[in-house]
Amino acid sequence: MRPARAAAAAKKARLIARGKAAIARGIFGAPSFLVGEELFWDHGRLDQAIAWALVPPDLPPLG
């Protein structure tokens, strides 16, 4: 197999693996944001995802 084809095959395999991992974690649609185990989806939730990421894990989430 040529190097370019091998690289393309490796990229395709990674894409398929990431897609399967996303499905297993319940990610659907775009955009989706995963912060730890918490899933946020849609552009309207980006601020909430960022706020969630900034809260230390031992504190309850804001608002």
Protein backbone atom coordinates (compact mmCIF):
# COMPACT_ATOMS: atom_id res chain seq x y z
CA MET A 1 0.00 0.00 0.00
CA ARG A 2 1.31 3.46 -0.87
CA PRO A 3 2.11 5.87 1.98
CA ALA A 4 -0.67 8.30 0.97
CA ARG A 5 -3.25 5.52 0.91
CA ALA A 6 -1.99 4.15 4.20
CA ALA A 7 -2.32 7.59 5.79
CA ALA A 8 -5.82 7.98 4.36
CA ALA A 9 -6.80 4.54 5.68
CA ALA A 10 -5.44 5.40 9.13
CA LYS A 11 -7.39 8.69 9.16
CA LYS A 12 -10.56 6.91 8.11
CA ALA A 13 -10.10 4.31 10.86
CA ARG A 14 -9.61 7.07 13.46
CA LEU A 15 -12.71 8.91 12.23
CA ILE A 16 -14.80 5.74 12.44
CA ALA A 17 -13.48 4.99 15.95
CA ARG A 18 -14.22 8.54 17.13
CA GLY A 19 -17.71 8.36 15.64
CA LYS A 20 -18.41 5.11 17.47
CA ALA A 21 -17.06 6.58 20.74
CA ALA A 22 -19.30 9.64 20.31
CA ILE A 23 -22.35 7.46 19.74
CA ALA A 24 -21.49 5.39 22.82
CA ARG A 25 -21.36 8.60 24.91
CA GLY A 26 -24.71 9.82 23.63
CA ILE A 27 -23.37 12.62 21.46
CA PHE A 28 -25.72 13.50 18.64
CA GLY A 29 -26.03 16.49 16.38
CA ALA A 30 -23.62 19.31 16.03
CA PRO A 31 -22.24 21.07 17.81
CA SER A 32 -21.95 18.93 20.91
CA PHE A 33 -19.75 19.81 23.87
CA LEU A 34 -18.65 17.20 26.39
CA VAL A 35 -17.33 18.54 29.70
CA GLY A 36 -16.26 15.59 31.80
CA GLU A 37 -19.32 13.35 31.60
CA GLU A 38 -21.78 16.23 31.07
CA LEU A 39 -23.11 16.69 27.53
CA PHE A 40 -24.18 20.06 26.12
CA TRP A 41 -25.46 20.49 22.60
CA ASP A 42 -26.30 23.46 20.40
CA HIS A 43 -24.51 26.80 20.18
CA GLY A 44 -26.92 28.19 22.75
CA ARG A 45 -25.38 25.93 25.41
CA LEU A 46 -21.75 26.88 24.83
CA ASP A 47 -21.78 29.43 27.69
CA GLN A 48 -23.21 26.80 30.03
CA ALA A 49 -20.58 24.27 28.95
CA ILE A 50 -17.81 26.79 29.63
CA ALA A 51 -19.30 27.68 33.03
CA TRP A 52 -19.57 23.97 33.88
CA ALA A 53 -15.92 23.46 32.91
CA LEU A 54 -14.82 26.28 35.22
CA VAL A 55 -16.58 24.93 38.34
CA PRO A 56 -14.31 22.77 40.52
CA PRO A 57 -15.62 19.15 40.55
CA ASP A 58 -16.32 19.17 44.31
CA LEU A 59 -18.72 22.16 44.07
CA PRO A 60 -22.29 22.10 42.78
CA PRO A 61 -22.88 23.73 39.37
CA LEU A 62 -23.93 27.37 39.17
CA GLY A 63 -27.52 28.37 38.45
